[in-house]
Amino acid sequence: MPPPAWVQDAVFYQIFPDRFANGDPANDPPNVQPWGSPPTISGFQGGDLRGIRQRLDYLSDLGITAVYLTPIFQAGSNHRYNTSDYLQIDDRLGTLQDFRDLVDQAHAHGLRVILDGVFNHSGRGFFAFRDLLDKGERSAYRRWYHATRFPLDAFGEGQAENYLAWWGFRALPKFNTANRETRKYLLRVAKHWIAQGADGWRLDVPNEIDDDSFWAEFRQVVKEANPEAYLVGEIWTLDPRWIGPRSFDGLMNYPLRKSLLELIVEGKHTPSGFREQVEAQMAAFPPDHLLAQYNLLGSHDTERVGTLAGGDARKVRLLLALQFTLPGAPAVYYGDEIGIAGGKDPDSRRAFDWNREHWDHARHDLVRSLVRLRQTRPELRRGTFEFLEADDETGTIAFTRQLGGETAVVVANVSPTARSVRLPAGALGRPPAHEVRDGLTGRAHGVGELGLELRLEACDCAILLGSLPSS
C-alpha cells in the first residue's frame, strides 16, 4: 500500500502543546509559569488543546494542512514522553471532548491531526509499571518490562540498574513488546485514537523497539482503521528499511536537514558534496515514499533554525527555500515562521509569542509565500527531481522539478559573494520558455537562444517558473 496521496501535498506544522497557546487557564497547573518564561525541563506554561483550536485560523492563513502534536496523553512532564495513561488526554491540556472538538474543527479547516506515539517506553506512573513496583515478581505485569532483579529501584535521578529503560533513564522504563499482552494493549491504543479522529501517528524512537514484527502489526491495525492514516517514523539516519509495507509511509528527514545545514550554515559541504549526499538520500526510497518524507529544519529535539544560522536572515531564507522545493513534505516547527530563537532542549521549546509587534514579519511572509507557491505549483509537490549543476568553483547549485509540461528551476548561490549562473534554454521547460519569473520575488527574466544568465547575491536563491497561474 503506497503512502496516503494527501501527504505529498501537505505542509506540516509541529506543535509542542504546552507552549503554543493557552486557551483555557482553568486547566493550568497550580505552579504554572508566566507565558514566555525561559523554558525549563520541568516547568509548565499552560498551553492546551483549546488554545490550538482557537488558533486554527492562523494556521490556515499560513497555509498549513497538517499539524503534528508532540504527546498529549496523561504524563508527569511538560513534554509527556513519560506517558502514564495512553487512553486519557492529559488534564493540563484539556479533556477528550477538547480533543474531539480540535479534530472536528481542524478537519473543517482542511487540517489533518497527527499524534505522537511513544510505544518503546512508558513513564513510571503507567499502571503496569506501578503494579510491578508494588508486587515485584508476583506482578501480573512481570513480562511487560525487562526487569532483571527485584525489588526495582525506580525512583530518583540517574540510571536504571535492574530494568531496561530508554537510554537508561529511570523515569522511562522500556516495554517488552514481544509480550503478547503488552503488544495487545499498545495496538489497542493505536487503533483507539485513529477511531477518535486522529489522521496518523508520528512514532517515537521506533528503531529502539527490538521486535521487528511489532511495526508490521502496528501498520496493519492502523491502516485497517483508516487507510488514509499517515505513519511517520523518527529515524535520524538514512535507513530505507523503515519504509514500506511492514513499517512506515515516511520518515522524519533528519539526513536532509543535516545536509542543508552543513552546506549553508556550517560550510562543511561543497555543492558537489551536497549533490552527492542528496542524490544518495533520494535514491534510497521509492518515488511515492520519497514524496511522503517529513522534511524538517527543526524540531523540539534540535536548536532553532534561526539560532543555528546565527541570526543570518539570508541563510534562513535559503534554507527555507530549499526545504520547500526539494522532494518531500515540508514541516514548520511552531514559531520558526515568526523568528523564535532557541538553543538546545529545553530552550528550543519557548512559548509562542502572539504579540505580532515582536514577530519577524519578513520570515513570516516568506514562509507564507513558499507555502502558497507550493500549493499553486504541482511540480514542486509531485514533480521529478534532477540536479542541473553543483559547481564548487562558483558555489552554486541548480535543480529542476518537473511534472507534465510544468517546470520549476531552483538556483542557489551558497557562496559568500555574488555569482552569475548560466542556464541553458532547454533547462527552463520544453519547449523553451521565452520568459521565466522568480516565484519568490516576482521578477521576470527573459530567456534567449543561449539560455538565461542569472545574477544572484551571496547566499541567495531564485525559483524560476515558466508560467504562473493567474491570480
Protein backbone atom coordinates (compact mmCIF):
# COMPACT_ATOMS: atom_id res chain seq x y z
CA MET A 1 0.00 0.00 0.00
CA PRO A 2 1.53 3.36 -1.03
CA PRO A 3 1.56 6.36 1.33
CA PRO A 4 -1.67 8.37 1.53
CA ALA A 5 -1.83 10.65 -1.51
CA TRP A 6 -2.61 13.70 0.62
CA VAL A 7 0.82 13.64 2.26
CA GLN A 8 2.55 14.63 -0.98
CA ASP A 9 0.55 17.87 -0.99
CA ALA A 10 0.89 18.56 2.74
CA VAL A 11 2.62 21.29 4.68
CA PHE A 12 3.11 20.14 8.29
CA TYR A 13 3.29 22.23 11.44
CA GLN A 14 4.74 20.74 14.62
CA ILE A 15 3.28 21.93 17.93
CA PHE A 16 4.67 21.44 21.43
CA PRO A 17 1.27 21.83 23.14
CA ASP A 18 2.37 23.36 26.45
CA ARG A 19 4.00 26.28 24.60
CA PHE A 20 1.72 27.11 21.66
CA ALA A 21 -1.39 28.82 23.07
CA ASN A 22 -3.27 28.87 26.38
CA GLY A 23 -6.96 28.66 25.57
CA ASP A 24 -8.25 27.62 29.00
CA PRO A 25 -6.42 28.96 32.07
CA ALA A 26 -8.75 26.87 34.24
CA ASN A 27 -6.74 23.73 33.45
CA ASP A 28 -3.36 25.30 34.22
CA PRO A 29 -1.41 23.53 36.97
CA PRO A 30 -1.01 25.41 40.30
CA ASN A 31 2.68 26.06 39.61
CA VAL A 32 2.16 27.36 36.07
CA GLN A 33 4.89 29.73 34.90
CA PRO A 34 4.08 33.05 33.22
CA TRP A 35 3.69 32.68 29.47
CA GLY A 36 7.01 33.34 27.80
CA SER A 37 9.16 32.46 30.81
CA PRO A 38 12.54 30.93 29.96
CA PRO A 39 11.68 27.27 29.34
CA THR A 40 12.81 24.69 31.87
CA ILE A 41 12.84 20.91 31.83
CA SER A 42 10.06 20.68 34.41
CA GLY A 43 8.03 23.89 34.13
CA PHE A 44 4.56 24.24 32.60
CA GLN A 45 3.33 27.37 30.84
CA GLY A 46 -0.30 26.46 30.25
CA GLY A 47 -0.65 25.69 26.55
CA ASP A 48 -3.56 23.36 25.79
CA LEU A 49 -5.77 21.82 23.12
CA ARG A 50 -8.33 24.60 23.29
CA GLY A 51 -5.56 27.08 22.59
CA ILE A 52 -4.59 25.17 19.46
CA ARG A 53 -8.22 25.09 18.35
CA GLN A 54 -8.50 28.85 18.82
CA ARG A 55 -5.50 29.36 16.51
CA LEU A 56 -6.66 27.20 13.60
CA ASP A 57 -7.47 30.31 11.55
CA TYR A 58 -3.84 31.40 11.96
CA LEU A 59 -2.59 28.03 10.73
CA SER A 60 -4.99 28.03 7.79
CA ASP A 61 -3.91 31.53 6.80
CA LEU A 62 -0.30 30.37 6.85
CA GLY A 63 -1.32 27.54 4.51
CA ILE A 64 -0.73 24.64 6.90
CA THR A 65 -2.59 21.43 6.01
CA ALA A 66 -1.49 19.06 8.81
CA VAL A 67 -0.44 19.51 12.43
CA TYR A 68 1.78 17.12 14.36
CA LEU A 69 1.31 17.31 18.12
CA THR A 70 4.00 16.08 20.48
CA PRO A 71 2.47 13.77 23.13
CA ILE A 72 -0.89 14.80 24.58
CA PHE A 73 -1.63 11.82 26.84
CA GLN A 74 -1.53 11.79 30.65
CA ALA A 75 2.03 12.22 31.89
CA GLY A 76 4.01 13.95 34.60
CA SER A 77 6.15 16.24 32.44
CA ASN A 78 5.66 19.11 30.03
CA HIS A 79 7.00 17.01 27.13
CA ARG A 80 4.84 13.98 28.03
CA TYR A 81 7.20 11.36 26.64
CA ASN A 82 6.82 9.59 30.01
CA THR A 83 3.21 8.51 29.50
CA SER A 84 1.21 7.33 32.49
CA ASP A 85 -2.10 6.70 30.67
CA TYR A 86 -2.26 6.28 26.89
CA LEU A 87 -6.04 6.36 26.81
CA GLN A 88 -6.51 9.70 28.59
CA ILE A 89 -5.82 13.25 27.46
CA ASP A 90 -3.55 14.99 29.95
CA ASP A 91 -5.85 17.09 32.14
CA ARG A 92 -3.48 20.05 31.83
CA LEU A 93 -4.23 20.02 28.10
CA GLY A 94 -7.97 19.51 28.38
CA THR A 95 -10.50 16.72 28.02
CA LEU A 96 -11.44 14.09 25.50
CA GLN A 97 -14.15 16.47 24.31
CA ASP A 98 -11.50 19.16 23.77
CA PHE A 99 -9.58 16.69 21.62
CA ARG A 100 -12.68 15.79 19.61
CA ASP A 101 -13.52 19.45 19.13
CA LEU A 102 -9.98 20.15 17.98
CA VAL A 103 -10.06 17.31 15.46
CA ASP A 104 -13.50 18.25 14.16
CA GLN A 105 -12.61 21.90 13.69
CA ALA A 106 -9.20 21.09 12.25
CA HIS A 107 -10.87 18.88 9.66
CA ALA A 108 -13.34 21.68 8.91
CA HIS A 109 -10.31 23.91 8.22
CA GLY A 110 -8.79 21.27 5.93
CA LEU A 111 -6.17 20.30 8.51
CA ARG A 112 -5.16 16.76 9.48
CA VAL A 113 -4.02 15.90 13.01
CA ILE A 114 -1.04 13.61 13.63
CA LEU A 115 -0.36 12.30 17.14
CA ASP A 116 2.93 11.32 18.75
CA GLY A 117 3.12 7.64 19.68
CA VAL A 118 5.59 6.69 22.41
CA PHE A 119 5.48 2.90 22.38
CA ASN A 120 9.07 2.00 23.21
CA HIS A 121 8.76 3.06 26.85
CA SER A 122 6.27 4.38 29.37
CA GLY A 123 6.52 6.60 32.42
CA ARG A 124 6.86 5.29 35.95
CA GLY A 125 3.21 6.17 36.57
CA PHE A 126 1.86 3.73 33.97
CA PHE A 127 -0.41 1.16 35.63
CA ALA A 128 1.63 -1.90 34.66
CA PHE A 129 4.89 -0.45 35.95
CA ARG A 130 3.25 0.75 39.17
CA ASP A 131 1.99 -2.78 39.78
CA LEU A 132 5.46 -4.15 39.07
CA LEU A 133 6.96 -1.73 41.60
CA ASP A 134 4.38 -2.75 44.19
CA LYS A 135 4.35 -6.52 43.74
CA GLY A 136 7.69 -7.34 42.19
CA GLU A 137 8.00 -10.85 40.82
CA ARG A 138 4.39 -11.58 41.83
CA SER A 139 3.05 -8.87 39.50
CA ALA A 140 0.76 -9.93 36.67
CA TYR A 141 2.73 -7.42 34.56
CA ARG A 142 6.11 -9.06 35.19
CA ARG A 143 6.61 -9.63 31.44
CA TRP A 144 5.50 -6.14 30.33
CA TYR A 145 9.01 -4.79 31.01
CA HIS A 146 12.60 -6.03 31.08
CA ALA A 147 13.26 -6.43 34.80
CA THR A 148 16.47 -8.23 35.76
CA ARG A 149 16.09 -8.40 39.56
CA PHE A 150 13.80 -7.27 42.36
CA PRO A 151 12.92 -5.07 44.07
CA LEU A 152 13.09 -2.44 41.35
CA ASP A 153 14.93 0.76 42.19
CA ALA A 154 12.98 3.20 40.04
CA PHE A 155 12.92 6.49 41.92
CA GLY A 156 15.22 9.45 41.92
CA GLU A 157 17.55 10.53 39.15
CA GLY A 158 20.30 8.56 37.47
CA GLN A 159 20.45 5.34 35.53
CA ALA A 160 18.16 2.33 35.84
CA GLU A 161 20.16 -0.58 37.24
CA ASN A 162 17.76 -3.53 37.37
CA TYR A 163 15.48 -2.93 34.39
CA LEU A 164 15.88 -1.65 30.86
CA ALA A 165 14.95 1.97 30.23
CA TRP A 166 15.23 4.44 27.36
CA TRP A 167 18.90 5.47 27.33
CA GLY A 168 19.00 4.15 30.89
CA PHE A 169 16.76 6.88 32.36
CA ARG A 170 14.91 5.53 35.40
CA ALA A 171 11.80 7.54 34.56
CA LEU A 172 11.36 5.80 31.18
CA PRO A 173 11.10 2.02 31.62
CA LYS A 174 11.23 0.12 28.35
CA PHE A 175 8.27 -2.00 27.25
CA ASN A 176 8.68 -5.65 26.33
CA THR A 177 6.76 -5.52 23.04
CA ALA A 178 7.42 -9.22 22.45
CA ASN A 179 5.00 -9.92 25.28
CA ARG A 180 1.56 -10.64 23.83
CA GLU A 181 -0.42 -8.66 26.40
CA THR A 182 1.84 -5.61 26.15
CA ARG A 183 1.55 -5.63 22.38
CA LYS A 184 -2.21 -6.09 22.55
CA TYR A 185 -2.53 -3.02 24.76
CA LEU A 186 -0.31 -0.81 22.58
CA LEU A 187 -2.11 -1.83 19.40
CA ARG A 188 -5.40 -1.06 21.12
CA VAL A 189 -4.07 2.45 21.81
CA ALA A 190 -3.03 2.87 18.18
CA LYS A 191 -6.47 1.92 16.91
CA HIS A 192 -8.36 3.84 19.60
CA TRP A 193 -7.03 7.29 18.69
CA ILE A 194 -7.49 6.72 14.98
CA ALA A 195 -11.11 5.90 15.80
CA GLN A 196 -11.27 9.17 17.75
CA GLY A 197 -10.37 11.05 14.57
CA ALA A 198 -6.57 11.25 14.50
CA ASP A 199 -5.12 11.15 10.98
CA GLY A 200 -1.94 9.26 11.76
CA TRP A 201 0.98 8.67 14.07
CA ARG A 202 4.49 10.01 14.41
CA LEU A 203 6.36 7.14 16.06
CA ASP A 204 8.96 7.96 18.67
CA VAL A 205 12.31 6.09 18.55
CA PRO A 206 10.84 3.15 16.57
CA ASN A 207 14.29 1.66 15.90
CA GLU A 208 14.68 1.01 19.63
CA ILE A 209 11.82 -1.50 19.68
CA ASP A 210 13.58 -4.83 19.35
CA ASP A 211 10.74 -6.86 17.84
CA ASP A 212 10.65 -6.06 14.11
CA SER A 213 7.20 -7.61 13.68
CA PHE A 214 5.65 -5.05 16.05
CA TRP A 215 5.63 -2.28 13.45
CA ALA A 216 4.23 -4.55 10.74
CA GLU A 217 1.31 -5.38 13.03
CA PHE A 218 1.00 -1.75 14.10
CA ARG A 219 0.75 -0.65 10.48
CA GLN A 220 -1.88 -3.28 9.73
CA VAL A 221 -4.05 -2.23 12.68
CA VAL A 222 -3.86 1.48 11.84
CA LYS A 223 -4.42 1.08 8.11
CA GLU A 224 -7.42 -1.17 8.71
CA ALA A 225 -8.89 1.57 10.89
CA ASN A 226 -8.09 4.29 8.34
CA PRO A 227 -6.24 3.53 5.08
CA GLU A 228 -5.51 7.26 4.73
CA ALA A 229 -3.67 7.48 8.07
CA TYR A 230 -0.06 8.66 7.80
CA LEU A 231 2.69 6.80 9.66
CA VAL A 232 6.00 8.65 10.02
CA GLY A 233 8.97 7.29 11.94
CA GLU A 234 11.56 9.21 13.93
CA ILE A 235 14.66 7.80 12.27
CA TRP A 236 17.69 10.09 12.32
CA THR A 237 19.84 8.21 9.81
CA LEU A 238 19.44 7.21 6.17
CA ASP A 239 17.85 3.80 6.65
CA PRO A 240 15.33 2.74 3.98
CA ARG A 241 14.40 -0.47 5.78
CA TRP A 242 11.97 1.64 7.83
CA ILE A 243 9.92 2.45 4.74
CA GLY A 244 7.35 0.15 3.18
CA PRO A 245 4.57 -2.36 3.82
CA ARG A 246 5.99 -3.57 7.15
CA SER A 247 6.73 -0.16 8.65
CA PHE A 248 6.12 3.49 7.74
CA ASP A 249 4.96 5.78 4.94
CA GLY A 250 7.72 8.32 5.55
CA LEU A 251 10.48 9.31 7.95
CA MET A 252 11.47 12.49 9.70
CA ASN A 253 14.09 13.60 7.20
CA TYR A 254 16.95 14.43 9.53
CA PRO A 255 19.57 13.38 6.93
CA LEU A 256 18.34 16.06 4.51
CA ARG A 257 18.27 18.61 7.33
CA LYS A 258 21.87 17.72 8.19
CA SER A 259 22.98 18.12 4.56
CA LEU A 260 21.28 21.51 4.24
CA LEU A 261 22.80 22.83 7.47
CA GLU A 262 26.25 21.55 6.57
CA LEU A 263 26.04 23.24 3.18
CA ILE A 264 24.56 26.61 4.15
CA VAL A 265 25.32 27.17 7.83
CA GLU A 266 28.38 25.14 8.71
CA GLY A 267 30.27 25.25 5.41
CA LYS A 268 31.19 21.58 5.68
CA HIS A 269 29.93 20.70 2.20
CA THR A 270 30.86 21.84 -1.27
CA PRO A 271 27.98 21.98 -3.76
CA SER A 272 29.19 18.72 -5.31
CA GLY A 273 29.31 17.06 -1.88
CA PHE A 274 25.80 18.27 -1.17
CA ARG A 275 24.63 16.89 -4.51
CA GLU A 276 26.22 13.52 -3.79
CA GLN A 277 24.52 13.27 -0.41
CA VAL A 278 21.09 14.39 -1.64
CA GLU A 279 21.13 12.06 -4.63
CA ALA A 280 22.03 9.15 -2.33
CA GLN A 281 19.21 10.07 0.04
CA MET A 282 16.67 10.28 -2.75
CA ALA A 283 17.82 7.06 -4.42
CA ALA A 284 17.24 5.21 -1.16
CA PHE A 285 13.43 5.44 -1.33
CA PRO A 286 10.72 4.58 -3.86
CA PRO A 287 9.35 7.75 -5.52
CA ASP A 288 5.99 7.72 -3.73
CA HIS A 289 7.66 7.34 -0.32
CA LEU A 290 10.25 9.99 -1.17
CA LEU A 291 7.43 12.48 -1.70
CA ALA A 292 5.97 11.45 1.68
CA GLN A 293 9.12 12.25 3.66
CA TYR A 294 8.66 14.70 6.54
CA ASN A 295 11.21 17.40 5.63
CA LEU A 296 12.16 19.48 8.65
CA LEU A 297 14.67 22.15 9.61
CA GLY A 298 13.95 21.98 13.32
CA SER A 299 12.00 20.16 16.00
CA HIS A 300 11.61 20.00 19.77
CA ASP A 301 14.82 17.93 19.81
CA THR A 302 17.02 20.43 17.95
CA GLU A 303 18.20 24.01 18.17
CA ARG A 304 16.03 26.55 16.38
CA VAL A 305 16.96 27.08 12.74
CA GLY A 306 17.41 30.83 13.21
CA THR A 307 19.74 30.24 16.15
CA LEU A 308 21.77 27.68 14.21
CA ALA A 309 22.11 30.22 11.39
CA GLY A 310 23.44 32.80 13.82
CA GLY A 311 20.50 35.08 13.12
CA ASP A 312 21.57 35.45 9.46
CA ALA A 313 18.29 36.11 7.63
CA ARG A 314 19.83 35.30 4.24
CA LYS A 315 20.84 31.82 5.35
CA VAL A 316 17.44 31.12 6.90
CA ARG A 317 15.74 32.32 3.69
CA LEU A 318 17.91 29.99 1.61
CA LEU A 319 17.32 27.04 3.94
CA LEU A 320 13.56 27.56 3.77
CA ALA A 321 13.52 27.96 0.00
CA LEU A 322 15.37 24.69 -0.48
CA GLN A 323 13.27 22.89 2.15
CA PHE A 324 10.07 23.85 0.33
CA THR A 325 11.31 22.92 -3.15
CA LEU A 326 13.14 19.63 -2.55
CA PRO A 327 11.07 16.41 -2.74
CA GLY A 328 9.06 15.64 0.38
CA ALA A 329 6.50 17.40 2.55
CA PRO A 330 7.92 20.47 4.33
CA ALA A 331 7.37 20.85 8.07
CA VAL A 332 7.44 24.06 10.11
CA TYR A 333 8.35 23.86 13.80
CA TYR A 334 5.97 26.16 15.65
CA GLY A 335 7.30 29.69 15.89
CA ASP A 336 10.12 29.27 13.38
CA GLU A 337 7.93 31.21 10.95
CA ILE A 338 7.96 34.28 13.23
CA GLY A 339 11.61 34.12 14.20
CA ILE A 340 11.53 32.47 17.64
CA ALA A 341 15.10 31.74 18.74
CA GLY A 342 16.26 28.88 20.95
CA GLY A 343 19.23 26.71 21.72
CA LYS A 344 19.23 23.06 22.71
CA ASP A 345 16.35 21.47 24.62
CA PRO A 346 14.66 22.88 26.63
CA ASP A 347 15.44 26.30 25.13
CA SER A 348 14.05 25.22 21.75
CA ARG A 349 10.64 24.88 23.40
CA ARG A 350 9.93 28.55 24.12
CA ALA A 351 6.36 29.82 24.26
CA PHE A 352 4.85 31.19 21.05
CA ASP A 353 4.76 35.00 21.18
CA TRP A 354 1.32 36.09 19.97
CA ASN A 355 2.25 39.78 20.08
CA ARG A 356 2.63 40.50 16.37
CA GLU A 357 4.80 43.51 17.08
CA HIS A 358 7.52 41.08 18.15
CA TRP A 359 7.39 38.93 15.01
CA ASP A 360 9.94 38.69 12.24
CA HIS A 361 7.40 39.65 9.59
CA ALA A 362 9.82 39.10 6.72
CA ARG A 363 10.26 35.49 7.86
CA HIS A 364 6.51 35.03 8.29
CA ASP A 365 5.78 36.47 4.84
CA LEU A 366 8.48 34.25 3.31
CA VAL A 367 7.03 31.07 4.80
CA ARG A 368 3.54 32.08 3.74
CA SER A 369 4.77 32.79 0.19
CA LEU A 370 6.61 29.47 -0.02
CA VAL A 371 3.50 27.62 1.11
CA ARG A 372 1.38 29.41 -1.50
CA LEU A 373 3.97 28.73 -4.18
CA ARG A 374 3.99 25.05 -3.34
CA GLN A 375 0.19 24.96 -3.36
CA THR A 376 -0.08 26.55 -6.81
CA ARG A 377 2.76 24.64 -8.48
CA PRO A 378 2.14 20.88 -8.52
CA GLU A 379 5.62 20.18 -9.86
CA LEU A 380 7.01 21.41 -6.50
CA ARG A 381 4.86 18.83 -4.71
CA ARG A 382 4.86 15.84 -7.02
CA GLY A 383 7.41 16.52 -9.74
CA THR A 384 10.54 14.59 -10.62
CA PHE A 385 13.85 15.90 -9.33
CA GLU A 386 17.16 16.37 -11.14
CA PHE A 387 20.29 18.37 -10.44
CA LEU A 388 21.38 20.67 -13.28
CA GLU A 389 24.63 21.69 -11.65
CA ALA A 390 26.59 21.71 -8.42
CA ASP A 391 29.59 23.93 -9.11
CA ASP A 392 32.27 24.00 -6.44
CA GLU A 393 34.16 26.81 -8.17
CA THR A 394 31.24 29.24 -8.16
CA GLY A 395 29.47 27.86 -5.07
CA THR A 396 26.18 27.40 -6.88
CA ILE A 397 23.63 24.63 -7.27
CA ALA A 398 20.63 24.27 -9.55
CA PHE A 399 17.94 21.60 -9.84
CA THR A 400 14.63 21.07 -11.59
CA ARG A 401 11.22 19.82 -10.51
CA GLN A 402 9.13 18.68 -13.47
CA LEU A 403 5.57 17.39 -13.80
CA GLY A 404 3.86 17.10 -17.15
CA GLY A 405 4.56 20.31 -19.01
CA GLU A 406 5.40 22.34 -15.91
CA THR A 407 8.97 23.03 -14.84
CA ALA A 408 10.43 24.81 -11.85
CA VAL A 409 14.17 25.52 -11.70
CA VAL A 410 15.70 26.29 -8.32
CA VAL A 411 19.05 28.10 -8.37
CA ALA A 412 21.03 28.82 -5.21
CA ASN A 413 24.26 30.65 -4.51
CA VAL A 414 25.76 29.31 -1.30
CA SER A 415 28.99 31.30 -1.62
CA PRO A 416 29.79 34.49 0.35
CA THR A 417 29.97 36.63 -2.82
CA ALA A 418 27.61 37.44 -5.68
CA ARG A 419 27.70 34.99 -8.58
CA SER A 420 26.35 34.62 -12.10
CA VAL A 421 24.77 31.36 -13.23
CA ARG A 422 24.06 30.45 -16.85
CA LEU A 423 21.18 28.07 -17.51
CA PRO A 424 20.60 26.55 -20.95
CA ALA A 425 17.24 27.34 -22.50
CA GLY A 426 16.24 23.67 -22.51
CA ALA A 427 16.51 23.51 -18.73
CA LEU A 428 13.73 26.06 -18.36
CA GLY A 429 10.99 23.96 -19.92
CA ARG A 430 10.19 22.27 -23.21
CA PRO A 431 9.55 23.98 -25.50
CA PRO A 432 11.96 26.53 -24.02
CA ALA A 433 10.27 29.38 -22.24
CA HIS A 434 10.83 32.90 -23.57
CA GLU A 435 10.42 34.32 -20.11
CA VAL A 436 10.61 32.95 -16.61
CA ARG A 437 9.52 34.56 -13.38
CA ASP A 438 11.03 34.24 -9.92
CA GLY A 439 8.37 32.72 -7.72
CA LEU A 440 9.86 34.43 -4.65
CA THR A 441 10.33 37.98 -5.92
CA GLY A 442 8.00 38.09 -8.95
CA ARG A 443 10.86 39.40 -11.08
CA ALA A 444 10.72 38.44 -14.79
CA HIS A 445 13.78 37.20 -16.68
CA GLY A 446 13.97 36.95 -20.46
CA VAL A 447 15.37 33.74 -21.95
CA GLY A 448 17.43 33.98 -25.13
CA GLU A 449 18.62 31.33 -27.54
CA LEU A 450 21.64 30.69 -25.34
CA GLY A 451 19.51 30.46 -22.24
CA LEU A 452 19.45 32.65 -19.14
CA GLU A 453 22.25 34.32 -17.25
CA LEU A 454 21.11 34.91 -13.69
CA ARG A 455 22.88 37.10 -11.14
CA LEU A 456 22.49 36.02 -7.53
CA GLU A 457 23.70 37.83 -4.44
CA ALA A 458 25.64 35.98 -1.75
CA CYS A 459 23.56 33.26 -0.07
CA ASP A 460 20.65 33.88 -2.41
CA CYS A 461 18.10 31.76 -4.23
CA ALA A 462 15.68 32.00 -7.15
CA ILE A 463 12.75 29.74 -8.00
CA LEU A 464 12.25 30.13 -11.72
CA LEU A 465 8.85 29.31 -13.20
CA GLY A 466 7.94 29.17 -16.86
CA SER A 467 4.45 30.38 -16.17
CA LEU A 468 2.40 31.39 -13.16
CA PRO A 469 -1.29 30.80 -12.63
CA SER A 470 -3.39 33.93 -12.95
CA SER A 471 -4.14 35.47 -9.58
